[in-house]
Amino acid sequence: MFCPRCAIALFALLVIFAVAMLPAQAADQPRFAATAPAQSLPPLAIEDADGRPVSLDRFHGRYVLLNLWATWCVPCAAEMPDLAALHGKLDKHKFAVVALDEDHDGRAAVPMFFKQRGIRLPVYVDANGHAPVALGLHGLPTTLLLDPTGREIARLTGAADWDSPRIIDWLRAEARRPIQDTADRN
């Protein structure tokens, strides 16, 4: 005869085993959620490494992969080398990779973080720390895909294997879609 605690423990073990047996999602599979209809972004206070204001309008005409991250965020730090590799593989006339740092002292922290890890990306920081709230983020890292007009068309919360062929192919396919086509982007 089973005691109630033993029955609960056995049930818990069966649930854990069942979840472990589920097929895993491919690590490089894009998990972007479409933003339909496309959404204009609120104004963001972005600065470069020298403290000069930067507008996302600077990237008008290109798709923008806007990655919000922080040096203290373990999954953010883990994906940053792949994001830099992606930056090197995408056509600069069609794509911009913008890693927007959310550290309180980003202009001091990010260049050292990049140098220590051999990461080559332009440094952009959230000057007033308001971007996560303004964009309705639920955690870091979060990446927004913006169309060439600057509207959010897709969002991914969590880390990704940015340098995978599957993600690169998916991004290139997104760039071939008509700009107004925002309803079915997954």
N, C-alpha and C. Protein backbone atom coordinates (compact mmCIF):
# COMPACT_ATOMS: atom_id res chain seq x y z
N MET A 1 0.83 -1.17 0.00
CA MET A 1 0.00 0.00 0.00
C MET A 1 0.89 1.24 0.00
N PHE A 2 0.57 2.16 -0.92
CA PHE A 2 1.34 3.41 -1.04
C PHE A 2 0.89 4.42 -0.02
N CYS A 3 1.85 5.11 0.54
CA CYS A 3 1.49 6.25 1.37
C CYS A 3 1.25 7.44 0.44
N PRO A 4 0.45 8.42 0.85
CA PRO A 4 0.16 9.57 -0.02
C PRO A 4 1.43 10.31 -0.48
N ARG A 5 2.40 10.45 0.40
CA ARG A 5 3.65 11.14 0.02
C ARG A 5 4.39 10.36 -1.05
N CYS A 6 4.41 9.06 -0.95
CA CYS A 6 5.09 8.23 -1.95
C CYS A 6 4.39 8.34 -3.30
N ALA A 7 3.07 8.36 -3.28
CA ALA A 7 2.31 8.49 -4.52
C ALA A 7 2.60 9.83 -5.19
N ILE A 8 2.68 10.90 -4.41
CA ILE A 8 2.99 12.23 -4.97
C ILE A 8 4.40 12.24 -5.54
N ALA A 9 5.35 11.66 -4.81
CA ALA A 9 6.74 11.62 -5.28
C ALA A 9 6.84 10.81 -6.57
N LEU A 10 6.15 9.69 -6.65
CA LEU A 10 6.16 8.87 -7.85
C LEU A 10 5.54 9.63 -9.03
N PHE A 11 4.44 10.32 -8.77
CA PHE A 11 3.79 11.11 -9.82
C PHE A 11 4.75 12.20 -10.32
N ALA A 12 5.43 12.88 -9.39
CA ALA A 12 6.37 13.95 -9.76
C ALA A 12 7.50 13.39 -10.63
N LEU A 13 8.00 12.21 -10.27
CA LEU A 13 9.06 11.59 -11.07
C LEU A 13 8.57 11.23 -12.47
N LEU A 14 7.33 10.74 -12.57
CA LEU A 14 6.77 10.42 -13.87
C LEU A 14 6.60 11.66 -14.74
N VAL A 15 6.18 12.77 -14.14
CA VAL A 15 6.04 14.03 -14.88
C VAL A 15 7.40 14.50 -15.37
N ILE A 16 8.41 14.46 -14.51
CA ILE A 16 9.76 14.87 -14.91
C ILE A 16 10.25 13.99 -16.05
N PHE A 17 10.04 12.69 -15.96
CA PHE A 17 10.46 11.78 -17.02
C PHE A 17 9.73 12.07 -18.32
N ALA A 18 8.44 12.32 -18.24
CA ALA A 18 7.65 12.61 -19.45
C ALA A 18 8.12 13.89 -20.12
N VAL A 19 8.39 14.92 -19.33
CA VAL A 19 8.87 16.19 -19.90
C VAL A 19 10.24 15.99 -20.53
N ALA A 20 11.09 15.23 -19.89
CA ALA A 20 12.43 14.98 -20.43
C ALA A 20 12.38 14.22 -21.75
N MET A 21 11.34 13.45 -21.97
CA MET A 21 11.23 12.66 -23.20
C MET A 21 10.60 13.45 -24.35
N LEU A 22 10.07 14.65 -24.07
CA LEU A 22 9.49 15.45 -25.15
C LEU A 22 10.59 15.86 -26.12
N PRO A 23 10.26 15.97 -27.40
CA PRO A 23 11.29 16.38 -28.35
C PRO A 23 11.74 17.81 -28.04
N ALA A 24 13.04 18.00 -28.04
CA ALA A 24 13.59 19.33 -27.76
C ALA A 24 13.47 20.20 -28.99
N GLN A 25 13.26 21.50 -28.75
CA GLN A 25 13.23 22.45 -29.86
C GLN A 25 14.68 22.67 -30.29
N ALA A 26 14.91 22.71 -31.58
CA ALA A 26 16.26 22.94 -32.08
C ALA A 26 16.78 24.24 -31.51
N ALA A 27 18.04 24.22 -31.07
CA ALA A 27 18.63 25.40 -30.45
C ALA A 27 18.69 26.58 -31.40
N ASP A 28 18.78 26.30 -32.69
CA ASP A 28 18.91 27.40 -33.65
C ASP A 28 17.59 27.77 -34.31
N GLN A 29 16.50 27.21 -33.84
CA GLN A 29 15.20 27.53 -34.44
C GLN A 29 14.74 28.90 -33.97
N PRO A 30 14.41 29.78 -34.90
CA PRO A 30 13.92 31.09 -34.48
C PRO A 30 12.62 30.96 -33.70
N ARG A 31 12.53 31.65 -32.61
CA ARG A 31 11.33 31.63 -31.78
C ARG A 31 10.70 33.01 -31.75
N PHE A 32 10.86 33.74 -32.83
CA PHE A 32 10.28 35.08 -32.89
C PHE A 32 8.77 34.98 -32.91
N ALA A 33 8.13 35.88 -32.20
CA ALA A 33 6.68 36.00 -32.26
C ALA A 33 6.38 37.21 -33.14
N ALA A 34 5.51 37.01 -34.11
CA ALA A 34 5.16 38.10 -35.02
C ALA A 34 4.47 39.22 -34.26
N THR A 35 4.76 40.43 -34.65
CA THR A 35 4.08 41.61 -34.13
C THR A 35 3.15 42.08 -35.25
N ALA A 36 1.88 41.78 -35.10
CA ALA A 36 0.94 42.11 -36.18
C ALA A 36 -0.24 42.86 -35.60
N PRO A 37 -0.55 44.01 -36.11
CA PRO A 37 0.18 44.68 -37.17
C PRO A 37 1.51 45.24 -36.64
N ALA A 38 2.38 45.59 -37.58
CA ALA A 38 3.68 46.16 -37.21
C ALA A 38 3.47 47.38 -36.32
N GLN A 39 4.36 47.55 -35.35
CA GLN A 39 4.23 48.63 -34.36
C GLN A 39 5.39 49.61 -34.45
N SER A 40 5.07 50.89 -34.45
CA SER A 40 6.10 51.91 -34.35
C SER A 40 6.67 51.89 -32.94
N LEU A 41 7.96 52.16 -32.82
CA LEU A 41 8.59 52.18 -31.51
C LEU A 41 8.44 53.56 -30.87
N PRO A 42 8.37 53.59 -29.54
CA PRO A 42 8.40 54.89 -28.87
C PRO A 42 9.81 55.47 -29.01
N PRO A 43 9.96 56.76 -28.79
CA PRO A 43 11.32 57.33 -28.85
C PRO A 43 12.21 56.69 -27.78
N LEU A 44 13.43 56.37 -28.15
CA LEU A 44 14.38 55.77 -27.22
C LEU A 44 15.60 56.68 -27.11
N ALA A 45 16.16 56.81 -25.91
CA ALA A 45 17.36 57.61 -25.68
C ALA A 45 18.57 56.70 -25.81
N ILE A 46 19.11 56.64 -27.01
CA ILE A 46 20.26 55.78 -27.30
C ILE A 46 21.49 56.65 -27.48
N GLU A 47 22.61 56.17 -26.93
CA GLU A 47 23.88 56.87 -27.10
C GLU A 47 24.92 55.89 -27.59
N ASP A 48 25.93 56.42 -28.30
CA ASP A 48 27.06 55.58 -28.72
C ASP A 48 28.10 55.56 -27.60
N ALA A 49 29.24 54.93 -27.85
CA ALA A 49 30.28 54.78 -26.84
C ALA A 49 30.82 56.11 -26.35
N ASP A 50 30.71 57.16 -27.17
CA ASP A 50 31.21 58.48 -26.79
C ASP A 50 30.15 59.36 -26.15
N GLY A 51 28.94 58.82 -25.93
CA GLY A 51 27.88 59.58 -25.31
C GLY A 51 27.08 60.44 -26.27
N ARG A 52 27.32 60.27 -27.57
CA ARG A 52 26.56 61.04 -28.55
C ARG A 52 25.21 60.37 -28.78
N PRO A 53 24.14 61.18 -28.86
CA PRO A 53 22.81 60.61 -29.13
C PRO A 53 22.77 59.93 -30.50
N VAL A 54 22.09 58.81 -30.53
CA VAL A 54 21.92 58.05 -31.77
C VAL A 54 20.43 57.75 -31.91
N SER A 55 19.91 57.93 -33.10
CA SER A 55 18.51 57.61 -33.36
C SER A 55 18.44 56.34 -34.20
N LEU A 56 17.42 55.55 -33.95
CA LEU A 56 17.23 54.37 -34.80
C LEU A 56 16.94 54.76 -36.24
N ASP A 57 16.57 56.03 -36.46
CA ASP A 57 16.37 56.52 -37.82
C ASP A 57 17.65 56.40 -38.65
N ARG A 58 18.80 56.35 -37.97
CA ARG A 58 20.08 56.20 -38.65
C ARG A 58 20.10 54.91 -39.50
N PHE A 59 19.27 53.93 -39.13
CA PHE A 59 19.24 52.65 -39.82
C PHE A 59 18.06 52.54 -40.79
N HIS A 60 17.36 53.65 -41.02
CA HIS A 60 16.20 53.64 -41.91
C HIS A 60 16.57 53.03 -43.27
N GLY A 61 15.69 52.18 -43.76
CA GLY A 61 15.93 51.51 -45.04
C GLY A 61 16.54 50.13 -44.89
N ARG A 62 16.91 49.76 -43.66
CA ARG A 62 17.47 48.44 -43.39
C ARG A 62 16.64 47.75 -42.31
N TYR A 63 16.66 46.43 -42.33
CA TYR A 63 16.09 45.67 -41.22
C TYR A 63 17.05 45.84 -40.04
N VAL A 64 16.48 45.97 -38.86
CA VAL A 64 17.29 46.15 -37.65
C VAL A 64 16.97 45.03 -36.68
N LEU A 65 18.01 44.36 -36.23
CA LEU A 65 17.90 43.38 -35.16
C LEU A 65 18.32 44.13 -33.90
N LEU A 66 17.35 44.58 -33.12
CA LEU A 66 17.58 45.38 -31.93
C LEU A 66 17.58 44.45 -30.72
N ASN A 67 18.78 44.20 -30.19
CA ASN A 67 18.96 43.27 -29.09
C ASN A 67 19.20 44.05 -27.81
N LEU A 68 18.30 43.92 -26.84
CA LEU A 68 18.46 44.58 -25.55
C LEU A 68 19.08 43.58 -24.59
N TRP A 69 20.18 43.98 -23.97
CA TRP A 69 20.99 43.05 -23.19
C TRP A 69 21.71 43.81 -22.07
N ALA A 70 22.44 43.08 -21.23
CA ALA A 70 23.27 43.68 -20.18
C ALA A 70 24.47 42.77 -19.92
N THR A 71 25.57 43.36 -19.49
CA THR A 71 26.78 42.58 -19.24
C THR A 71 26.60 41.60 -18.09
N TRP A 72 25.73 41.92 -17.13
CA TRP A 72 25.52 41.06 -15.97
C TRP A 72 24.55 39.91 -16.26
N CYS A 73 23.90 39.94 -17.40
CA CYS A 73 22.91 38.93 -17.78
C CYS A 73 23.64 37.75 -18.42
N VAL A 74 23.62 36.59 -17.76
CA VAL A 74 24.37 35.42 -18.23
C VAL A 74 23.96 34.99 -19.64
N PRO A 75 22.65 34.82 -19.95
CA PRO A 75 22.31 34.43 -21.31
C PRO A 75 22.66 35.51 -22.34
N CYS A 76 22.61 36.78 -21.92
CA CYS A 76 22.99 37.87 -22.83
C CYS A 76 24.47 37.75 -23.19
N ALA A 77 25.29 37.56 -22.16
CA ALA A 77 26.73 37.44 -22.39
C ALA A 77 27.05 36.23 -23.26
N ALA A 78 26.33 35.15 -23.05
CA ALA A 78 26.57 33.93 -23.81
C ALA A 78 26.25 34.10 -25.29
N GLU A 79 25.21 34.88 -25.62
CA GLU A 79 24.82 35.01 -27.02
C GLU A 79 25.56 36.13 -27.75
N MET A 80 26.26 36.99 -27.03
CA MET A 80 26.89 38.14 -27.66
C MET A 80 27.93 37.77 -28.73
N PRO A 81 28.79 36.77 -28.55
CA PRO A 81 29.71 36.41 -29.63
C PRO A 81 28.97 35.97 -30.91
N ASP A 82 27.87 35.24 -30.75
CA ASP A 82 27.09 34.82 -31.92
C ASP A 82 26.41 36.01 -32.60
N LEU A 83 25.97 36.98 -31.80
CA LEU A 83 25.36 38.18 -32.36
C LEU A 83 26.40 38.96 -33.17
N ALA A 84 27.62 39.03 -32.65
CA ALA A 84 28.70 39.70 -33.38
C ALA A 84 29.02 38.95 -34.68
N ALA A 85 29.02 37.62 -34.62
CA ALA A 85 29.27 36.83 -35.83
C ALA A 85 28.17 37.06 -36.86
N LEU A 86 26.92 37.11 -36.41
CA LEU A 86 25.80 37.40 -37.30
C LEU A 86 25.98 38.77 -37.95
N HIS A 87 26.38 39.75 -37.16
CA HIS A 87 26.63 41.10 -37.67
C HIS A 87 27.62 41.06 -38.84
N GLY A 88 28.61 40.20 -38.74
CA GLY A 88 29.61 40.08 -39.80
C GLY A 88 29.13 39.35 -41.04
N LYS A 89 28.05 38.59 -40.93
CA LYS A 89 27.58 37.77 -42.05
C LYS A 89 26.43 38.39 -42.83
N LEU A 90 25.71 39.33 -42.22
CA LEU A 90 24.57 39.92 -42.90
C LEU A 90 24.99 41.07 -43.79
N ASP A 91 24.27 41.27 -44.87
CA ASP A 91 24.51 42.37 -45.80
C ASP A 91 24.25 43.69 -45.08
N LYS A 92 25.28 44.51 -44.95
CA LYS A 92 25.17 45.78 -44.20
C LYS A 92 24.22 46.77 -44.87
N HIS A 93 23.92 46.57 -46.16
CA HIS A 93 22.98 47.45 -46.85
C HIS A 93 21.53 47.07 -46.54
N LYS A 94 21.32 45.83 -46.07
CA LYS A 94 19.97 45.35 -45.77
C LYS A 94 19.70 45.20 -44.27
N PHE A 95 20.76 44.98 -43.48
CA PHE A 95 20.59 44.67 -42.06
C PHE A 95 21.52 45.50 -41.19
N ALA A 96 21.04 45.81 -40.00
CA ALA A 96 21.87 46.40 -38.94
C ALA A 96 21.61 45.61 -37.67
N VAL A 97 22.69 45.26 -36.99
CA VAL A 97 22.57 44.61 -35.69
C VAL A 97 22.89 45.68 -34.64
N VAL A 98 21.91 45.96 -33.78
CA VAL A 98 22.08 46.99 -32.76
C VAL A 98 21.93 46.31 -31.39
N ALA A 99 23.04 46.17 -30.70
CA ALA A 99 23.04 45.61 -29.35
C ALA A 99 22.93 46.78 -28.39
N LEU A 100 21.76 46.95 -27.78
CA LEU A 100 21.48 48.08 -26.90
C LEU A 100 21.66 47.65 -25.45
N ASP A 101 22.73 48.14 -24.83
CA ASP A 101 23.09 47.74 -23.48
C ASP A 101 22.20 48.42 -22.44
N GLU A 102 21.80 47.65 -21.43
CA GLU A 102 20.94 48.13 -20.36
C GLU A 102 21.67 48.27 -19.02
N ASP A 103 23.00 48.20 -19.03
CA ASP A 103 23.75 48.42 -17.79
C ASP A 103 23.59 49.85 -17.33
N HIS A 104 23.66 50.09 -16.02
CA HIS A 104 23.56 51.46 -15.50
C HIS A 104 24.75 52.31 -15.94
N ASP A 105 25.89 51.69 -16.13
CA ASP A 105 27.09 52.40 -16.55
C ASP A 105 27.62 51.77 -17.84
N GLY A 106 26.75 51.69 -18.82
CA GLY A 106 27.07 50.98 -20.06
C GLY A 106 28.26 51.51 -20.81
N ARG A 107 28.41 52.85 -20.87
CA ARG A 107 29.53 53.39 -21.64
C ARG A 107 30.87 52.97 -21.05
N ALA A 108 30.91 52.69 -19.75
CA ALA A 108 32.15 52.22 -19.14
C ALA A 108 32.24 50.69 -19.20
N ALA A 109 31.13 50.02 -19.01
CA ALA A 109 31.13 48.56 -18.90
C ALA A 109 31.26 47.84 -20.24
N VAL A 110 30.56 48.32 -21.26
CA VAL A 110 30.47 47.58 -22.52
C VAL A 110 31.79 47.50 -23.28
N PRO A 111 32.52 48.60 -23.48
CA PRO A 111 33.78 48.47 -24.23
C PRO A 111 34.74 47.46 -23.60
N MET A 112 34.83 47.46 -22.26
CA MET A 112 35.70 46.49 -21.60
C MET A 112 35.17 45.07 -21.78
N PHE A 113 33.86 44.89 -21.64
CA PHE A 113 33.22 43.59 -21.83
C PHE A 113 33.52 43.07 -23.24
N PHE A 114 33.34 43.92 -24.26
CA PHE A 114 33.60 43.51 -25.64
C PHE A 114 35.08 43.19 -25.85
N LYS A 115 35.97 44.03 -25.32
CA LYS A 115 37.41 43.82 -25.50
C LYS A 115 37.86 42.50 -24.88
N GLN A 116 37.39 42.22 -23.66
CA GLN A 116 37.77 40.98 -22.96
C GLN A 116 37.34 39.74 -23.72
N ARG A 117 36.26 39.84 -24.47
CA ARG A 117 35.71 38.67 -25.18
C ARG A 117 35.99 38.69 -26.68
N GLY A 118 36.69 39.69 -27.14
CA GLY A 118 37.00 39.79 -28.57
C GLY A 118 35.77 40.04 -29.43
N ILE A 119 34.78 40.74 -28.89
CA ILE A 119 33.53 41.00 -29.62
C ILE A 119 33.66 42.30 -30.38
N ARG A 120 33.30 42.25 -31.66
CA ARG A 120 33.35 43.45 -32.50
C ARG A 120 31.94 43.85 -32.91
N LEU A 121 31.40 44.78 -32.16
CA LEU A 121 30.09 45.36 -32.44
C LEU A 121 30.15 46.82 -32.03
N PRO A 122 29.40 47.68 -32.71
CA PRO A 122 29.31 49.06 -32.22
C PRO A 122 28.66 49.08 -30.83
N VAL A 123 29.09 50.01 -29.99
CA VAL A 123 28.56 50.13 -28.64
C VAL A 123 27.39 51.12 -28.64
N TYR A 124 26.23 50.64 -28.20
CA TYR A 124 25.05 51.49 -28.01
C TYR A 124 24.52 51.23 -26.61
N VAL A 125 24.15 52.30 -25.92
CA VAL A 125 23.63 52.17 -24.55
C VAL A 125 22.30 52.89 -24.43
N ASP A 126 21.47 52.36 -23.57
CA ASP A 126 20.19 52.98 -23.23
C ASP A 126 20.50 54.09 -22.23
N ALA A 127 20.51 55.32 -22.71
CA ALA A 127 21.00 56.46 -21.93
C ALA A 127 20.24 56.68 -20.63
N ASN A 128 18.95 56.49 -20.64
CA ASN A 128 18.18 56.76 -19.42
C ASN A 128 17.60 55.50 -18.78
N GLY A 129 17.88 54.34 -19.36
CA GLY A 129 17.41 53.08 -18.79
C GLY A 129 15.92 52.83 -18.94
N HIS A 130 15.26 53.58 -19.81
CA HIS A 130 13.81 53.46 -19.96
C HIS A 130 13.37 52.51 -21.07
N ALA A 131 14.28 52.05 -21.91
CA ALA A 131 13.88 51.22 -23.06
C ALA A 131 13.10 49.97 -22.67
N PRO A 132 13.52 49.20 -21.65
CA PRO A 132 12.75 47.99 -21.34
C PRO A 132 11.28 48.26 -21.02
N VAL A 133 11.02 49.31 -20.26
CA VAL A 133 9.64 49.64 -19.92
C VAL A 133 8.91 50.19 -21.14
N ALA A 134 9.56 51.10 -21.87
CA ALA A 134 8.94 51.71 -23.05
C ALA A 134 8.57 50.66 -24.10
N LEU A 135 9.38 49.61 -24.20
CA LEU A 135 9.15 48.56 -25.19
C LEU A 135 8.34 47.38 -24.65
N GLY A 136 8.00 47.42 -23.38
CA GLY A 136 7.19 46.35 -22.78
C GLY A 136 7.93 45.03 -22.69
N LEU A 137 9.20 45.07 -22.33
CA LEU A 137 9.98 43.84 -22.25
C LEU A 137 9.63 43.06 -20.99
N HIS A 138 9.82 41.74 -21.07
CA HIS A 138 9.57 40.86 -19.94
C HIS A 138 10.85 40.24 -19.42
N GLY A 139 11.97 40.65 -19.95
CA GLY A 139 13.25 40.12 -19.50
C GLY A 139 14.33 40.39 -20.53
N LEU A 140 15.56 40.08 -20.14
CA LEU A 140 16.71 40.20 -21.02
C LEU A 140 17.32 38.83 -21.23
N PRO A 141 17.85 38.58 -22.37
CA PRO A 141 17.84 39.42 -23.56
C PRO A 141 16.47 39.37 -24.26
N THR A 142 16.16 40.44 -24.93
CA THR A 142 15.00 40.49 -25.81
C THR A 142 15.46 41.13 -27.11
N THR A 143 15.03 40.56 -28.22
CA THR A 143 15.43 41.05 -29.53
C THR A 143 14.20 41.39 -30.35
N LEU A 144 14.20 42.59 -30.91
CA LEU A 144 13.12 43.03 -31.79
C LEU A 144 13.65 43.04 -33.22
N LEU A 145 12.83 42.58 -34.15
CA LEU A 145 13.16 42.71 -35.56
C LEU A 145 12.33 43.88 -36.09
N LEU A 146 13.02 44.89 -36.58
CA LEU A 146 12.37 46.07 -37.13
C LEU A 146 12.44 46.03 -38.64
N ASP A 147 11.36 46.44 -39.30
CA ASP A 147 11.38 46.49 -40.76
C ASP A 147 12.12 47.76 -41.21
N PRO A 148 12.36 47.92 -42.51
CA PRO A 148 13.12 49.08 -42.97
C PRO A 148 12.48 50.44 -42.68
N THR A 149 11.22 50.45 -42.28
CA THR A 149 10.59 51.72 -41.90
C THR A 149 10.71 51.97 -40.40
N GLY A 150 11.31 51.02 -39.65
CA GLY A 150 11.52 51.19 -38.22
C GLY A 150 10.42 50.62 -37.34
N ARG A 151 9.50 49.87 -37.93
CA ARG A 151 8.41 49.28 -37.14
C ARG A 151 8.79 47.88 -36.67
N GLU A 152 8.39 47.56 -35.44
CA GLU A 152 8.62 46.21 -34.92
C GLU A 152 7.71 45.23 -35.65
N ILE A 153 8.32 44.17 -36.21
CA ILE A 153 7.54 43.15 -36.90
C ILE A 153 7.63 41.79 -36.22
N ALA A 154 8.61 41.64 -35.31
CA ALA A 154 8.74 40.37 -34.59
C ALA A 154 9.57 40.61 -33.34
N ARG A 155 9.39 39.69 -32.38
CA ARG A 155 10.07 39.82 -31.08
C ARG A 155 10.45 38.43 -30.58
N LEU A 156 11.63 38.35 -29.97
CA LEU A 156 12.10 37.12 -29.36
C LEU A 156 12.58 37.45 -27.95
N THR A 157 12.01 36.77 -26.96
CA THR A 157 12.46 36.94 -25.58
C THR A 157 13.32 35.73 -25.24
N GLY A 158 14.53 35.99 -24.80
CA GLY A 158 15.47 34.92 -24.47
C GLY A 158 16.63 34.90 -25.46
N ALA A 159 17.60 34.08 -25.13
CA ALA A 159 18.81 33.97 -25.93
C ALA A 159 18.55 33.13 -27.18
N ALA A 160 19.41 33.33 -28.18
CA ALA A 160 19.32 32.56 -29.42
C ALA A 160 20.72 32.25 -29.92
N ASP A 161 20.79 31.28 -30.77
CA ASP A 161 22.04 30.91 -31.44
C ASP A 161 22.11 31.72 -32.74
N TRP A 162 22.50 33.00 -32.61
CA TRP A 162 22.40 33.95 -33.72
C TRP A 162 23.24 33.58 -34.93
N ASP A 163 24.28 32.81 -34.73
CA ASP A 163 25.18 32.48 -35.83
C ASP A 163 24.78 31.20 -36.56
N SER A 164 23.62 30.65 -36.24
CA SER A 164 23.21 29.39 -36.87
C SER A 164 22.72 29.65 -38.30
N PRO A 165 22.98 28.73 -39.20
CA PRO A 165 22.49 28.88 -40.58
C PRO A 165 20.98 29.05 -40.65
N ARG A 166 20.26 28.38 -39.77
CA ARG A 166 18.80 28.46 -39.82
C ARG A 166 18.30 29.88 -39.50
N ILE A 167 18.88 30.52 -38.50
CA ILE A 167 18.47 31.89 -38.17
C ILE A 167 18.89 32.85 -39.27
N ILE A 168 20.08 32.68 -39.79
CA ILE A 168 20.55 33.56 -40.87
C ILE A 168 19.63 33.42 -42.08
N ASP A 169 19.27 32.20 -42.43
CA ASP A 169 18.35 31.98 -43.56
C ASP A 169 16.99 32.60 -43.27
N TRP A 170 16.50 32.46 -42.04
CA TRP A 170 15.20 33.03 -41.68
C TRP A 170 15.22 34.55 -41.80
N LEU A 171 16.29 35.19 -41.31
CA LEU A 171 16.39 36.65 -41.41
C LEU A 171 16.45 37.10 -42.87
N ARG A 172 17.20 36.39 -43.67
CA ARG A 172 17.29 36.75 -45.10
C ARG A 172 15.93 36.57 -45.78
N ALA A 173 15.19 35.54 -45.39
CA ALA A 173 13.84 35.34 -45.95
C ALA A 173 12.91 36.48 -45.52
N GLU A 174 13.03 36.93 -44.28
CA GLU A 174 12.23 38.05 -43.82
C GLU A 174 12.50 39.29 -44.67
N ALA A 175 13.75 39.49 -45.04
CA ALA A 175 14.12 40.66 -45.83
C ALA A 175 13.56 40.60 -47.25
N ARG A 176 13.18 39.43 -47.70
CA ARG A 176 12.61 39.30 -49.06
C ARG A 176 11.10 39.51 -49.07
N ARG A 177 10.48 39.54 -47.90
CA ARG A 177 9.03 39.74 -47.84
C ARG A 177 8.68 41.20 -48.11
N PRO A 178 7.51 41.44 -48.67
CA PRO A 178 7.07 42.83 -48.82
C PRO A 178 6.95 43.49 -47.45
N ILE A 179 7.33 44.73 -47.34
CA ILE A 179 7.34 45.43 -46.06
C ILE A 179 5.97 45.45 -45.41
N GLN A 180 4.90 45.63 -46.17
CA GLN A 180 3.57 45.70 -45.57
C GLN A 180 3.07 44.34 -45.08
N ASP A 181 3.73 43.25 -45.46
CA ASP A 181 3.32 41.90 -45.07
C ASP A 181 3.80 41.62 -43.65
N THR A 182 2.95 41.91 -42.64
CA THR A 182 3.37 41.73 -41.25
C THR A 182 2.51 40.73 -40.49
N ALA A 183 1.47 40.22 -41.10
CA ALA A 183 0.51 39.39 -40.36
C ALA A 183 0.98 37.97 -40.13
N ASP A 184 1.83 37.44 -40.99
CA ASP A 184 2.15 36.02 -40.89
C ASP A 184 3.66 35.79 -41.02
N ARG A 185 4.43 36.20 -40.03
CA ARG A 185 5.89 36.18 -40.15
C ARG A 185 6.54 35.04 -39.36
N ASN A 186 5.85 34.09 -38.80
CA ASN A 186 6.52 33.02 -38.07
C ASN A 186 6.88 31.89 -38.95
